Amino acid sequence: MCRNIKPLLNFEPTATDEEIHDAALQFVRKVSGMHHPSQVNETVFNRAVEDISHATYHLLNELVTTAKPKDREVEAAKARERSMKRFGK
């Protein structure tokens, strides 16, 4: 999985449209191997991002969990701590 794609399920507040779009964009970039598509591929690339954003939105809204919602600040602190352990200062 692309390391830049963050889990979006079960956060309070819920994932924003921008977060969903950014995850879809990262996925399409990873799968296509393109960071910026050429003009000839731009329409297909952007349509893929929108299709995946749409599917992700529905997935997140339809999944059911009994876990307590995660706090964004707590999760960000955990990520910083993991990064410090992995890469140092």
N, C-alpha and C. Protein backbone atom coordinates (compact mmCIF):
# COMPACT_ATOMS: atom_id res chain seq x y z
N MET A 1 0.85 -1.18 0.00
CA MET A 1 0.00 0.00 0.00
C MET A 1 0.89 1.24 0.00
N CYS A 2 0.45 2.23 -0.67
CA CYS A 2 1.18 3.49 -0.73
C CYS A 2 1.25 4.10 0.67
N ARG A 3 2.42 4.45 1.12
CA ARG A 3 2.57 4.98 2.48
C ARG A 3 1.90 6.33 2.68
N ASN A 4 1.64 7.05 1.60
CA ASN A 4 1.01 8.36 1.72
C ASN A 4 -0.51 8.28 1.87
N ILE A 5 -1.08 7.10 1.65
CA ILE A 5 -2.52 6.94 1.80
C ILE A 5 -2.78 6.59 3.27
N LYS A 6 -3.52 7.44 3.93
CA LYS A 6 -3.80 7.27 5.35
C LYS A 6 -5.17 6.61 5.54
N PRO A 7 -5.31 5.78 6.58
CA PRO A 7 -6.64 5.24 6.89
C PRO A 7 -7.62 6.39 7.15
N LEU A 8 -8.83 6.26 6.62
CA LEU A 8 -9.82 7.33 6.75
C LEU A 8 -11.06 6.90 7.52
N LEU A 9 -11.16 5.64 7.85
CA LEU A 9 -12.35 5.13 8.53
C LEU A 9 -12.32 5.43 10.02
N ASN A 10 -13.45 5.77 10.54
CA ASN A 10 -13.70 5.87 11.98
C ASN A 10 -12.94 7.01 12.66
N PHE A 11 -12.95 8.16 12.03
CA PHE A 11 -12.40 9.36 12.66
C PHE A 11 -13.54 10.29 13.02
N GLU A 12 -13.31 11.07 14.04
CA GLU A 12 -14.28 12.09 14.43
C GLU A 12 -13.56 13.42 14.41
N PRO A 13 -13.90 14.35 13.55
CA PRO A 13 -14.97 14.29 12.55
C PRO A 13 -14.58 13.36 11.40
N THR A 14 -15.56 12.98 10.61
CA THR A 14 -15.34 12.04 9.52
C THR A 14 -14.39 12.62 8.47
N ALA A 15 -13.90 11.75 7.62
CA ALA A 15 -12.98 12.16 6.56
C ALA A 15 -13.64 13.20 5.66
N THR A 16 -12.86 14.19 5.28
CA THR A 16 -13.37 15.25 4.42
C THR A 16 -13.28 14.81 2.95
N ASP A 17 -14.00 15.51 2.09
CA ASP A 17 -13.92 15.24 0.66
C ASP A 17 -12.49 15.41 0.16
N GLU A 18 -11.79 16.39 0.71
CA GLU A 18 -10.40 16.63 0.30
C GLU A 18 -9.50 15.45 0.68
N GLU A 19 -9.68 14.90 1.88
CA GLU A 19 -8.88 13.75 2.30
C GLU A 19 -9.16 12.54 1.40
N ILE A 20 -10.42 12.34 1.06
CA ILE A 20 -10.80 11.23 0.19
C ILE A 20 -10.19 11.43 -1.19
N HIS A 21 -10.28 12.64 -1.71
CA HIS A 21 -9.70 12.95 -3.03
C HIS A 21 -8.19 12.74 -3.01
N ASP A 22 -7.51 13.20 -1.96
CA ASP A 22 -6.06 13.05 -1.88
C ASP A 22 -5.64 11.58 -1.84
N ALA A 23 -6.40 10.75 -1.13
CA ALA A 23 -6.10 9.32 -1.08
C ALA A 23 -6.31 8.69 -2.46
N ALA A 24 -7.38 9.08 -3.14
CA ALA A 24 -7.64 8.56 -4.48
C ALA A 24 -6.54 8.98 -5.45
N LEU A 25 -6.11 10.22 -5.35
CA LEU A 25 -5.03 10.72 -6.20
C LEU A 25 -3.75 9.93 -5.98
N GLN A 26 -3.40 9.68 -4.72
CA GLN A 26 -2.20 8.90 -4.42
C GLN A 26 -2.30 7.49 -4.98
N PHE A 27 -3.50 6.89 -4.87
CA PHE A 27 -3.71 5.55 -5.39
C PHE A 27 -3.52 5.52 -6.91
N VAL A 28 -4.13 6.46 -7.60
CA VAL A 28 -4.02 6.50 -9.06
C VAL A 28 -2.57 6.76 -9.48
N ARG A 29 -1.88 7.63 -8.77
CA ARG A 29 -0.47 7.88 -9.08
C ARG A 29 0.35 6.61 -8.92
N LYS A 30 0.10 5.87 -7.84
CA LYS A 30 0.85 4.64 -7.57
C LYS A 30 0.57 3.59 -8.64
N VAL A 31 -0.69 3.37 -8.94
CA VAL A 31 -1.07 2.34 -9.90
C VAL A 31 -0.60 2.68 -11.31
N SER A 32 -0.74 3.95 -11.70
CA SER A 32 -0.38 4.35 -13.06
C SER A 32 1.12 4.57 -13.23
N GLY A 33 1.81 4.82 -12.13
CA GLY A 33 3.23 5.14 -12.22
C GLY A 33 3.49 6.56 -12.69
N MET A 34 2.43 7.39 -12.69
CA MET A 34 2.56 8.78 -13.15
C MET A 34 2.24 9.73 -12.01
N HIS A 35 3.11 10.70 -11.82
CA HIS A 35 2.82 11.75 -10.84
C HIS A 35 1.96 12.83 -11.48
N HIS A 36 2.33 13.19 -12.69
CA HIS A 36 1.55 14.14 -13.49
C HIS A 36 1.34 13.50 -14.86
N PRO A 37 0.09 13.28 -15.26
CA PRO A 37 -0.15 12.65 -16.55
C PRO A 37 0.14 13.61 -17.71
N SER A 38 0.43 13.04 -18.86
CA SER A 38 0.59 13.85 -20.06
C SER A 38 -0.78 14.38 -20.47
N GLN A 39 -0.80 15.33 -21.37
CA GLN A 39 -2.08 15.91 -21.82
C GLN A 39 -2.99 14.84 -22.40
N VAL A 40 -2.43 13.89 -23.12
CA VAL A 40 -3.25 12.86 -23.74
C VAL A 40 -3.88 11.94 -22.68
N ASN A 41 -3.24 11.79 -21.53
CA ASN A 41 -3.75 10.91 -20.47
C ASN A 41 -4.48 11.65 -19.35
N GLU A 42 -4.48 12.95 -19.39
CA GLU A 42 -5.02 13.75 -18.29
C GLU A 42 -6.49 13.45 -18.01
N THR A 43 -7.31 13.34 -19.04
CA THR A 43 -8.75 13.09 -18.86
C THR A 43 -8.98 11.74 -18.19
N VAL A 44 -8.30 10.72 -18.67
CA VAL A 44 -8.45 9.37 -18.11
C VAL A 44 -7.96 9.34 -16.66
N PHE A 45 -6.83 9.98 -16.41
CA PHE A 45 -6.24 10.04 -15.08
C PHE A 45 -7.21 10.72 -14.11
N ASN A 46 -7.72 11.88 -14.49
CA ASN A 46 -8.63 12.63 -13.61
C ASN A 46 -9.95 11.88 -13.39
N ARG A 47 -10.44 11.19 -14.43
CA ARG A 47 -11.66 10.41 -14.28
C ARG A 47 -11.43 9.26 -13.29
N ALA A 48 -10.27 8.63 -13.35
CA ALA A 48 -9.95 7.56 -12.41
C ALA A 48 -9.92 8.09 -10.98
N VAL A 49 -9.34 9.26 -10.78
CA VAL A 49 -9.31 9.86 -9.43
C VAL A 49 -10.73 10.11 -8.94
N GLU A 50 -11.58 10.66 -9.79
CA GLU A 50 -12.96 10.94 -9.39
C GLU A 50 -13.74 9.66 -9.12
N ASP A 51 -13.55 8.64 -9.96
CA ASP A 51 -14.25 7.36 -9.75
C ASP A 51 -13.83 6.71 -8.43
N ILE A 52 -12.54 6.74 -8.15
CA ILE A 52 -12.05 6.14 -6.90
C ILE A 52 -12.49 6.97 -5.70
N SER A 53 -12.51 8.29 -5.83
CA SER A 53 -13.03 9.15 -4.75
C SER A 53 -14.48 8.80 -4.45
N HIS A 54 -15.27 8.64 -5.49
CA HIS A 54 -16.69 8.32 -5.34
C HIS A 54 -16.85 6.96 -4.64
N ALA A 55 -16.12 5.96 -5.09
CA ALA A 55 -16.21 4.63 -4.48
C ALA A 55 -15.74 4.67 -3.02
N THR A 56 -14.69 5.42 -2.75
CA THR A 56 -14.17 5.52 -1.38
C THR A 56 -15.17 6.20 -0.46
N TYR A 57 -15.80 7.26 -0.96
CA TYR A 57 -16.83 7.96 -0.18
C TYR A 57 -17.93 6.98 0.23
N HIS A 58 -18.42 6.20 -0.73
CA HIS A 58 -19.48 5.23 -0.42
C HIS A 58 -18.98 4.14 0.52
N LEU A 59 -17.78 3.68 0.32
CA LEU A 59 -17.20 2.66 1.21
C LEU A 59 -17.17 3.16 2.65
N LEU A 60 -16.62 4.35 2.85
CA LEU A 60 -16.50 4.89 4.21
C LEU A 60 -17.86 5.13 4.86
N ASN A 61 -18.85 5.51 4.07
CA ASN A 61 -20.18 5.78 4.62
C ASN A 61 -20.99 4.53 4.88
N GLU A 62 -20.61 3.41 4.27
CA GLU A 62 -21.39 2.19 4.42
C GLU A 62 -20.74 1.15 5.33
N LEU A 63 -19.44 1.28 5.60
CA LEU A 63 -18.80 0.34 6.52
C LEU A 63 -19.33 0.56 7.93
N VAL A 64 -19.41 -0.53 8.68
CA VAL A 64 -19.92 -0.47 10.05
C VAL A 64 -18.80 -0.89 10.99
N THR A 65 -18.63 -0.15 12.06
CA THR A 65 -17.64 -0.50 13.08
C THR A 65 -18.21 -0.18 14.46
N THR A 66 -17.81 -0.98 15.42
CA THR A 66 -18.23 -0.72 16.80
C THR A 66 -17.11 -0.07 17.60
N ALA A 67 -15.97 0.14 16.96
CA ALA A 67 -14.83 0.76 17.64
C ALA A 67 -15.12 2.22 17.92
N LYS A 68 -14.53 2.70 18.98
CA LYS A 68 -14.64 4.10 19.34
C LYS A 68 -13.94 4.94 18.26
N PRO A 69 -14.54 6.06 17.83
CA PRO A 69 -13.90 6.91 16.82
C PRO A 69 -12.52 7.38 17.28
N LYS A 70 -11.59 7.45 16.33
CA LYS A 70 -10.23 7.88 16.62
C LYS A 70 -10.15 9.40 16.58
N ASP A 71 -9.26 9.92 17.41
CA ASP A 71 -9.01 11.36 17.47
C ASP A 71 -7.85 11.69 16.55
N ARG A 72 -8.02 12.65 15.67
CA ARG A 72 -6.99 13.00 14.69
C ARG A 72 -5.68 13.45 15.35
N GLU A 73 -5.79 14.22 16.40
CA GLU A 73 -4.59 14.72 17.07
C GLU A 73 -3.81 13.59 17.73
N VAL A 74 -4.50 12.67 18.35
CA VAL A 74 -3.84 11.52 18.99
C VAL A 74 -3.15 10.67 17.93
N GLU A 75 -3.83 10.41 16.82
CA GLU A 75 -3.24 9.61 15.75
C GLU A 75 -2.05 10.31 15.12
N ALA A 76 -2.11 11.63 14.98
CA ALA A 76 -0.99 12.39 14.43
C ALA A 76 0.21 12.31 15.37
N ALA A 77 -0.03 12.38 16.67
CA ALA A 77 1.05 12.27 17.65
C ALA A 77 1.70 10.88 17.58
N LYS A 78 0.89 9.85 17.43
CA LYS A 78 1.42 8.49 17.31
C LYS A 78 2.29 8.37 16.06
N ALA A 79 1.84 8.97 14.96
CA ALA A 79 2.60 8.92 13.71
C ALA A 79 3.94 9.65 13.85
N ARG A 80 3.93 10.80 14.54
CA ARG A 80 5.18 11.53 14.76
C ARG A 80 6.14 10.69 15.60
N GLU A 81 5.61 10.01 16.61
CA GLU A 81 6.44 9.17 17.48
C GLU A 81 7.05 8.01 16.69
N ARG A 82 6.24 7.37 15.83
CA ARG A 82 6.76 6.28 14.98
C ARG A 82 7.85 6.79 14.06
N SER A 83 7.64 7.98 13.52
CA SER A 83 8.61 8.57 12.62
C SER A 83 9.93 8.85 13.35
N MET A 84 9.83 9.37 14.56
CA MET A 84 11.04 9.66 15.35
C MET A 84 11.82 8.37 15.63
N LYS A 85 11.10 7.29 15.95
CA LYS A 85 11.76 6.02 16.22
C LYS A 85 12.42 5.48 14.96
N ARG A 86 11.76 5.69 13.84
CA ARG A 86 12.26 5.13 12.58
C ARG A 86 13.40 5.96 11.99
N PHE A 87 13.24 7.28 11.99
CA PHE A 87 14.20 8.13 11.29
C PHE A 87 15.04 9.00 12.22
N GLY A 88 14.73 9.06 13.49
CA GLY A 88 15.46 9.93 14.40
C GLY A 88 14.99 11.36 14.26
N LYS A 89 15.85 12.32 14.61
CA LYS A 89 15.47 13.72 14.58
C LYS A 89 15.27 14.21 13.22
